[in-house]
Amino acid sequence: MLAEPLMIVIRTILALILLFISTKILTKRSLSKLTYFDHIAMFTLGTLGGNLAFNVKIKIIYFIIAMTVTTVVVFLASYISLKSRSLRKHLAGEPTILIRNGKILENNMYKLQYSYDYLIQQLRQEDVFDISHVEFAILEPNGELSVQLKSENRPLTPKDLNIKTNYEGLATEIILDGKLIENNLKLNNLTKESLNKELHKRGIKHIKEVAFAAVATNGSLYIDLYKD
């Protein structure tokens, strides 16, 4: 009686391991950046993984072969598409202009079966509430909308006002989940002693109280505590 449930548990764990390996090999992009070809590959692998877990009538080796072949084919197609623009166009698709100089291109909307409601929604997500302010709106292959405002409607920047700004760079994590990242500490010319001294100044007795801490390029220290 226990043989079949135990087999399902084993097959489920194996399916998760294989799916993790395949996904790790195929892409490091976020889900929002995947093309429709990537999505098809993920759905195929997911279906194979689900069947591997529950369809005990089919041998495990068959699923392993199918998932391996799928992963290899998708990996090779992605690699070749980097070398071939025509193949990349077919696999990933092409950007499509939906608005040019404040005018909606109805023909392109119709070809993509793209509704006006959805266009307006995506424009609002880009903080654009007036189509006449848009120079170009381009639908990317991953479904995101890229928007370029007309020059007179773009927000002012320090450069427009001839204001010089300092280099900001990226903040460096030095404490994560209550644990010290020693390599990053050294990169910022800090020591454990100087860090502990700064923590004590802020009433923090132990690093384990800190959920996250980072050093900005200007030397300022940002700290987030678990008890916040």
C-alpha atoms as a PDB file:
ATOM      1  CA  MET A   1       0.000   0.000   0.000  1.00  0.00           C
ATOM      2  CA  LEU A   2       2.819   2.393   0.804  1.00  0.00           C
ATOM      3  CA  ALA A   3       4.831   1.546  -2.297  1.00  0.00           C
ATOM      4  CA  GLU A   4       2.929   3.810  -4.713  1.00  0.00           C
ATOM      5  CA  PRO A   5       2.743   6.909  -2.428  1.00  0.00           C
ATOM      6  CA  LEU A   6       6.442   6.523  -1.656  1.00  0.00           C
ATOM      7  CA  MET A   7       7.200   6.294  -5.368  1.00  0.00           C
ATOM      8  CA  ILE A   8       5.215   9.493  -5.983  1.00  0.00           C
ATOM      9  CA  VAL A   9       7.236  11.278  -3.275  1.00  0.00           C
ATOM     10  CA  ILE A  10      10.510  10.123  -4.844  1.00  0.00           C
ATOM     11  CA  ARG A  11       9.388  11.058  -8.367  1.00  0.00           C
ATOM     12  CA  THR A  12       8.179  14.490  -7.183  1.00  0.00           C
ATOM     13  CA  ILE A  13      11.542  15.247  -5.574  1.00  0.00           C
ATOM     14  CA  LEU A  14      13.318  14.067  -8.734  1.00  0.00           C
ATOM     15  CA  ALA A  15      11.023  16.236 -10.902  1.00  0.00           C
ATOM     16  CA  LEU A  16      11.807  19.329  -8.804  1.00  0.00           C
ATOM     17  CA  ILE A  17      15.550  18.640  -9.030  1.00  0.00           C
ATOM     18  CA  LEU A  18      15.409  18.195 -12.815  1.00  0.00           C
ATOM     19  CA  LEU A  19      13.256  21.318 -13.267  1.00  0.00           C
ATOM     20  CA  PHE A  20      15.651  23.336 -11.121  1.00  0.00           C
ATOM     21  CA  ILE A  21      18.665  22.158 -13.154  1.00  0.00           C
ATOM     22  CA  SER A  22      16.941  22.804 -16.491  1.00  0.00           C
ATOM     23  CA  THR A  23      15.766  26.284 -15.469  1.00  0.00           C
ATOM     24  CA  LYS A  24      19.228  27.116 -14.126  1.00  0.00           C
ATOM     25  CA  ILE A  25      20.794  26.123 -17.450  1.00  0.00           C
ATOM     26  CA  LEU A  26      18.280  27.860 -19.687  1.00  0.00           C
ATOM     27  CA  THR A  27      17.827  31.295 -18.214  1.00  0.00           C
ATOM     28  CA  LYS A  28      18.870  33.730 -15.511  1.00  0.00           C
ATOM     29  CA  ARG A  29      16.390  36.348 -16.605  1.00  0.00           C
ATOM     30  CA  SER A  30      13.375  37.299 -14.526  1.00  0.00           C
ATOM     31  CA  LEU A  31      10.029  35.875 -15.593  1.00  0.00           C
ATOM     32  CA  SER A  32       8.911  39.290 -16.880  1.00  0.00           C
ATOM     33  CA  LYS A  33      11.845  39.309 -19.323  1.00  0.00           C
ATOM     34  CA  LEU A  34      11.159  35.900 -20.890  1.00  0.00           C
ATOM     35  CA  THR A  35      10.104  35.716 -24.539  1.00  0.00           C
ATOM     36  CA  TYR A  36       7.159  33.597 -25.665  1.00  0.00           C
ATOM     37  CA  PHE A  37       9.635  30.933 -26.826  1.00  0.00           C
ATOM     38  CA  ASP A  38      11.077  30.842 -23.298  1.00  0.00           C
ATOM     39  CA  HIS A  39       7.574  30.526 -21.868  1.00  0.00           C
ATOM     40  CA  ILE A  40       6.775  27.611 -24.185  1.00  0.00           C
ATOM     41  CA  ALA A  41       9.957  25.873 -23.049  1.00  0.00           C
ATOM     42  CA  MET A  42       9.081  26.457 -19.379  1.00  0.00           C
ATOM     43  CA  PHE A  43       5.519  25.163 -19.880  1.00  0.00           C
ATOM     44  CA  THR A  44       6.855  22.069 -21.661  1.00  0.00           C
ATOM     45  CA  LEU A  45       9.330  21.336 -18.891  1.00  0.00           C
ATOM     46  CA  GLY A  46       6.631  21.959 -16.276  1.00  0.00           C
ATOM     47  CA  THR A  47       4.273  19.507 -17.977  1.00  0.00           C
ATOM     48  CA  LEU A  48       7.004  16.886 -18.177  1.00  0.00           C
ATOM     49  CA  GLY A  49       7.878  17.478 -14.531  1.00  0.00           C
ATOM     50  CA  GLY A  50       4.236  17.123 -13.453  1.00  0.00           C
ATOM     51  CA  ASN A  51       3.847  13.877 -15.370  1.00  0.00           C
ATOM     52  CA  LEU A  52       7.120  12.575 -13.942  1.00  0.00           C
ATOM     53  CA  ALA A  53       5.755  13.131 -10.427  1.00  0.00           C
ATOM     54  CA  PHE A  54       2.329  11.490 -10.865  1.00  0.00           C
ATOM     55  CA  ASN A  55       2.287   9.301 -13.949  1.00  0.00           C
ATOM     56  CA  VAL A  56       3.850   6.213 -12.386  1.00  0.00           C
ATOM     57  CA  LYS A  57       2.917   4.066 -15.389  1.00  0.00           C
ATOM     58  CA  ILE A  58       5.668   5.688 -17.493  1.00  0.00           C
ATOM     59  CA  LYS A  59       9.272   4.876 -16.660  1.00  0.00           C
ATOM     60  CA  ILE A  60      11.332   7.611 -15.032  1.00  0.00           C
ATOM     61  CA  ILE A  61      14.093   7.285 -17.624  1.00  0.00           C
ATOM     62  CA  TYR A  62      11.672   8.341 -20.400  1.00  0.00           C
ATOM     63  CA  PHE A  63      10.918  11.593 -18.595  1.00  0.00           C
ATOM     64  CA  ILE A  64      14.602  12.216 -17.944  1.00  0.00           C
ATOM     65  CA  ILE A  65      15.318  11.723 -21.652  1.00  0.00           C
ATOM     66  CA  ALA A  66      12.433  14.045 -22.660  1.00  0.00           C
ATOM     67  CA  MET A  67      13.466  16.800 -20.232  1.00  0.00           C
ATOM     68  CA  THR A  68      17.114  16.506 -21.252  1.00  0.00           C
ATOM     69  CA  VAL A  69      16.244  16.728 -24.959  1.00  0.00           C
ATOM     70  CA  THR A  70      13.958  19.735 -24.344  1.00  0.00           C
ATOM     71  CA  THR A  71      16.646  21.524 -22.342  1.00  0.00           C
ATOM     72  CA  VAL A  72      19.351  20.840 -24.944  1.00  0.00           C
ATOM     73  CA  VAL A  73      17.148  21.924 -27.876  1.00  0.00           C
ATOM     74  CA  VAL A  74      16.094  25.161 -26.155  1.00  0.00           C
ATOM     75  CA  PHE A  75      19.668  25.899 -25.062  1.00  0.00           C
ATOM     76  CA  LEU A  76      21.022  25.365 -28.591  1.00  0.00           C
ATOM     77  CA  ALA A  77      18.226  27.435 -30.128  1.00  0.00           C
ATOM     78  CA  SER A  78      18.957  30.287 -27.714  1.00  0.00           C
ATOM     79  CA  TYR A  79      22.693  30.059 -28.394  1.00  0.00           C
ATOM     80  CA  ILE A  80      22.253  30.031 -32.173  1.00  0.00           C
ATOM     81  CA  SER A  81      19.791  32.935 -31.973  1.00  0.00           C
ATOM     82  CA  LEU A  82      22.593  35.042 -30.454  1.00  0.00           C
ATOM     83  CA  LYS A  83      24.522  34.542 -33.693  1.00  0.00           C
ATOM     84  CA  SER A  84      21.568  34.805 -36.069  1.00  0.00           C
ATOM     85  CA  ARG A  85      19.333  37.875 -36.111  1.00  0.00           C
ATOM     86  CA  SER A  86      16.733  36.202 -38.346  1.00  0.00           C
ATOM     87  CA  LEU A  87      16.393  33.223 -35.996  1.00  0.00           C
ATOM     88  CA  ARG A  88      16.286  35.554 -32.998  1.00  0.00           C
ATOM     89  CA  LYS A  89      13.470  37.475 -34.673  1.00  0.00           C
ATOM     90  CA  HIS A  90      11.433  34.291 -35.099  1.00  0.00           C
ATOM     91  CA  LEU A  91      12.116  32.948 -31.596  1.00  0.00           C
ATOM     92  CA  ALA A  92      11.861  36.141 -29.574  1.00  0.00           C
ATOM     93  CA  GLY A  93       9.733  38.306 -31.834  1.00  0.00           C
ATOM     94  CA  GLU A  94      10.260  41.947 -32.794  1.00  0.00           C
ATOM     95  CA  PRO A  95       9.416  45.261 -31.118  1.00  0.00           C
ATOM     96  CA  THR A  96       6.303  46.901 -32.562  1.00  0.00           C
ATOM     97  CA  ILE A  97       5.595  50.640 -32.591  1.00  0.00           C
ATOM     98  CA  LEU A  98       2.117  51.368 -31.221  1.00  0.00           C
ATOM     99  CA  ILE A  99       2.332  55.178 -30.931  1.00  0.00           C
ATOM    100  CA  ARG A 100       4.356  57.534 -33.121  1.00  0.00           C
ATOM    101  CA  ASN A 101       4.365  61.296 -32.546  1.00  0.00           C
ATOM    102  CA  GLY A 102       1.273  61.125 -30.366  1.00  0.00           C
ATOM    103  CA  LYS A 103      -0.690  59.082 -32.916  1.00  0.00           C
ATOM    104  CA  ILE A 104      -1.882  55.522 -32.236  1.00  0.00           C
ATOM    105  CA  LEU A 105      -0.996  53.146 -35.073  1.00  0.00           C
ATOM    106  CA  GLU A 106      -4.268  51.221 -35.398  1.00  0.00           C
ATOM    107  CA  ASN A 107      -2.901  48.759 -37.984  1.00  0.00           C
ATOM    108  CA  ASN A 108      -0.172  47.585 -35.623  1.00  0.00           C
ATOM    109  CA  MET A 109      -2.682  47.384 -32.772  1.00  0.00           C
ATOM    110  CA  TYR A 110      -4.960  45.229 -34.915  1.00  0.00           C
ATOM    111  CA  LYS A 111      -2.139  42.908 -36.027  1.00  0.00           C
ATOM    112  CA  LEU A 112      -1.192  42.252 -32.418  1.00  0.00           C
ATOM    113  CA  GLN A 113      -4.838  42.047 -31.251  1.00  0.00           C
ATOM    114  CA  TYR A 114      -3.824  44.657 -28.700  1.00  0.00           C
ATOM    115  CA  SER A 115      -6.695  46.527 -27.047  1.00  0.00           C
ATOM    116  CA  TYR A 116      -6.856  50.281 -26.416  1.00  0.00           C
ATOM    117  CA  ASP A 117      -7.750  49.603 -22.794  1.00  0.00           C
ATOM    118  CA  TYR A 118      -4.556  47.647 -22.261  1.00  0.00           C
ATOM    119  CA  LEU A 119      -2.473  50.295 -24.047  1.00  0.00           C
ATOM    120  CA  ILE A 120      -3.892  53.010 -21.785  1.00  0.00           C
ATOM    121  CA  GLN A 121      -3.264  50.827 -18.737  1.00  0.00           C
ATOM    122  CA  GLN A 122       0.374  50.271 -19.654  1.00  0.00           C
ATOM    123  CA  LEU A 123       0.858  53.984 -20.342  1.00  0.00           C
ATOM    124  CA  ARG A 124      -0.525  54.804 -16.889  1.00  0.00           C
ATOM    125  CA  GLN A 125       1.955  52.351 -15.369  1.00  0.00           C
ATOM    126  CA  GLU A 126       4.669  54.463 -17.017  1.00  0.00           C
ATOM    127  CA  ASP A 127       3.119  57.612 -15.479  1.00  0.00           C
ATOM    128  CA  VAL A 128       1.805  58.772 -18.859  1.00  0.00           C
ATOM    129  CA  PHE A 129      -1.786  60.021 -18.813  1.00  0.00           C
ATOM    130  CA  ASP A 130      -1.889  61.961 -22.082  1.00  0.00           C
ATOM    131  CA  ILE A 131      -1.174  60.131 -25.356  1.00  0.00           C
ATOM    132  CA  SER A 132      -0.371  63.414 -27.099  1.00  0.00           C
ATOM    133  CA  HIS A 133       2.740  63.677 -24.876  1.00  0.00           C
ATOM    134  CA  VAL A 134       4.164  60.446 -26.311  1.00  0.00           C
ATOM    135  CA  GLU A 135       6.801  60.523 -29.053  1.00  0.00           C
ATOM    136  CA  PHE A 136       7.074  56.729 -29.305  1.00  0.00           C
ATOM    137  CA  ALA A 137       5.472  53.785 -27.511  1.00  0.00           C
ATOM    138  CA  ILE A 138       6.999  50.445 -28.462  1.00  0.00           C
ATOM    139  CA  LEU A 139       5.683  47.038 -27.432  1.00  0.00           C
ATOM    140  CA  GLU A 140       8.682  44.842 -26.671  1.00  0.00           C
ATOM    141  CA  PRO A 141       8.758  41.083 -27.441  1.00  0.00           C
ATOM    142  CA  ASN A 142       8.354  40.308 -23.719  1.00  0.00           C
ATOM    143  CA  GLY A 143       5.084  42.285 -23.565  1.00  0.00           C
ATOM    144  CA  GLU A 144       6.458  45.372 -21.811  1.00  0.00           C
ATOM    145  CA  LEU A 145       5.766  48.835 -23.188  1.00  0.00           C
ATOM    146  CA  SER A 146       8.708  51.213 -23.711  1.00  0.00           C
ATOM    147  CA  VAL A 147       7.683  54.862 -23.774  1.00  0.00           C
ATOM    148  CA  GLN A 148       9.601  57.913 -25.003  1.00  0.00           C
ATOM    149  CA  LEU A 149       7.989  61.234 -24.228  1.00  0.00           C
ATOM    150  CA  LYS A 150       8.245  64.243 -26.501  1.00  0.00           C
ATOM    151  CA  SER A 151      11.174  66.456 -25.544  1.00  0.00           C
ATOM    152  CA  GLU A 152       8.931  69.222 -24.196  1.00  0.00           C
ATOM    153  CA  ASN A 153       7.119  66.770 -21.928  1.00  0.00           C
ATOM    154  CA  ARG A 154      10.127  65.015 -20.387  1.00  0.00           C
ATOM    155  CA  PRO A 155      10.947  65.699 -16.721  1.00  0.00           C
ATOM    156  CA  LEU A 156      13.826  68.087 -16.097  1.00  0.00           C
ATOM    157  CA  THR A 157      17.145  66.533 -15.108  1.00  0.00           C
ATOM    158  CA  PRO A 158      20.181  68.100 -13.408  1.00  0.00           C
ATOM    159  CA  LYS A 159      21.912  67.982 -16.799  1.00  0.00           C
ATOM    160  CA  ASP A 160      19.156  70.128 -18.353  1.00  0.00           C
ATOM    161  CA  LEU A 161      19.840  72.746 -15.659  1.00  0.00           C
ATOM    162  CA  ASN A 162      23.643  72.423 -15.969  1.00  0.00           C
ATOM    163  CA  ILE A 163      23.868  71.163 -12.381  1.00  0.00           C
ATOM    164  CA  LYS A 164      26.807  68.895 -11.620  1.00  0.00           C
ATOM    165  CA  THR A 165      26.045  65.778  -9.597  1.00  0.00           C
ATOM    166  CA  ASN A 166      28.277  63.442  -7.643  1.00  0.00           C
ATOM    167  CA  TYR A 167      28.864  59.836  -8.596  1.00  0.00           C
ATOM    168  CA  GLU A 168      26.473  57.600  -6.655  1.00  0.00           C
ATOM    169  CA  GLY A 169      27.375  54.035  -7.655  1.00  0.00           C
ATOM    170  CA  LEU A 170      25.874  51.039  -5.907  1.00  0.00           C
ATOM    171  CA  ALA A 171      25.501  50.416  -2.192  1.00  0.00           C
ATOM    172  CA  THR A 172      27.392  47.356  -0.925  1.00  0.00           C
ATOM    173  CA  GLU A 173      25.744  44.835   1.379  1.00  0.00           C
ATOM    174  CA  ILE A 174      27.789  44.159   4.495  1.00  0.00           C
ATOM    175  CA  ILE A 175      25.190  42.414   6.691  1.00  0.00           C
ATOM    176  CA  LEU A 176      22.495  40.119   5.375  1.00  0.00           C
ATOM    177  CA  ASP A 177      20.127  38.079   7.551  1.00  0.00           C
ATOM    178  CA  GLY A 178      22.205  38.823  10.637  1.00  0.00           C
ATOM    179  CA  LYS A 179      25.434  37.566   9.064  1.00  0.00           C
ATOM    180  CA  LEU A 180      28.507  39.614   8.214  1.00  0.00           C
ATOM    181  CA  ILE A 181      29.728  39.627   4.590  1.00  0.00           C
ATOM    182  CA  GLU A 182      33.458  39.950   5.276  1.00  0.00           C
ATOM    183  CA  ASN A 183      34.596  40.306   1.644  1.00  0.00           C
ATOM    184  CA  ASN A 184      32.329  43.329   1.141  1.00  0.00           C
ATOM    185  CA  LEU A 185      33.549  44.757   4.433  1.00  0.00           C
ATOM    186  CA  LYS A 186      37.125  44.679   3.134  1.00  0.00           C
ATOM    187  CA  LEU A 187      36.097  46.194  -0.212  1.00  0.00           C
ATOM    188  CA  ASN A 188      34.846  49.248   1.677  1.00  0.00           C
ATOM    189  CA  ASN A 189      38.011  49.470   3.815  1.00  0.00           C
ATOM    190  CA  LEU A 190      36.032  48.663   6.956  1.00  0.00           C
ATOM    191  CA  THR A 191      36.885  46.397   9.876  1.00  0.00           C
ATOM    192  CA  LYS A 192      34.718  44.408  12.253  1.00  0.00           C
ATOM    193  CA  GLU A 193      35.792  46.746  15.030  1.00  0.00           C
ATOM    194  CA  SER A 194      34.748  49.915  13.189  1.00  0.00           C
ATOM    195  CA  LEU A 195      31.440  48.320  12.187  1.00  0.00           C
ATOM    196  CA  ASN A 196      30.686  47.169  15.740  1.00  0.00           C
ATOM    197  CA  LYS A 197      31.540  50.647  16.995  1.00  0.00           C
ATOM    198  CA  GLU A 198      29.042  52.177  14.572  1.00  0.00           C
ATOM    199  CA  LEU A 199      26.390  49.626  15.543  1.00  0.00           C
ATOM    200  CA  HIS A 200      26.908  50.390  19.235  1.00  0.00           C
ATOM    201  CA  LYS A 201      26.467  54.106  18.522  1.00  0.00           C
ATOM    202  CA  ARG A 202      23.027  53.270  17.189  1.00  0.00           C
ATOM    203  CA  GLY A 203      22.139  51.137  20.174  1.00  0.00           C
ATOM    204  CA  ILE A 204      22.660  47.810  18.416  1.00  0.00           C
ATOM    205  CA  LYS A 205      24.412  45.295  20.624  1.00  0.00           C
ATOM    206  CA  HIS A 206      24.867  42.409  18.171  1.00  0.00           C
ATOM    207  CA  ILE A 207      25.031  41.879  14.405  1.00  0.00           C
ATOM    208  CA  LYS A 208      22.279  39.241  14.681  1.00  0.00           C
ATOM    209  CA  GLU A 209      19.838  42.072  15.400  1.00  0.00           C
ATOM    210  CA  VAL A 210      20.457  43.442  11.882  1.00  0.00           C
ATOM    211  CA  ALA A 211      18.385  42.095   8.989  1.00  0.00           C
ATOM    212  CA  PHE A 212      20.191  44.160   6.359  1.00  0.00           C
ATOM    213  CA  ALA A 213      22.989  46.730   6.279  1.00  0.00           C
ATOM    214  CA  ALA A 214      24.700  48.394   3.336  1.00  0.00           C
ATOM    215  CA  VAL A 215      27.375  51.032   2.770  1.00  0.00           C
ATOM    216  CA  ALA A 216      26.724  53.722   0.159  1.00  0.00           C
ATOM    217  CA  THR A 217      29.523  55.135  -2.003  1.00  0.00           C
ATOM    218  CA  ASN A 218      29.518  58.284   0.137  1.00  0.00           C
ATOM    219  CA  GLY A 219      30.301  56.154   3.200  1.00  0.00           C
ATOM    220  CA  SER A 220      26.891  56.391   4.852  1.00  0.00           C
ATOM    221  CA  LEU A 221      25.580  53.246   6.507  1.00  0.00           C
ATOM    222  CA  TYR A 222      22.009  52.058   6.030  1.00  0.00           C
ATOM    223  CA  ILE A 223      20.700  49.621   8.658  1.00  0.00           C
ATOM    224  CA  ASP A 224      17.413  47.731   8.852  1.00  0.00           C
ATOM    225  CA  LEU A 225      16.685  45.826  12.083  1.00  0.00           C
ATOM    226  CA  TYR A 226      14.534  42.759  12.545  1.00  0.00           C
ATOM    227  CA  LYS A 227      12.561  44.543  15.256  1.00  0.00           C
ATOM    228  CA  ASP A 228      11.646  47.509  13.020  1.00  0.00           C
END
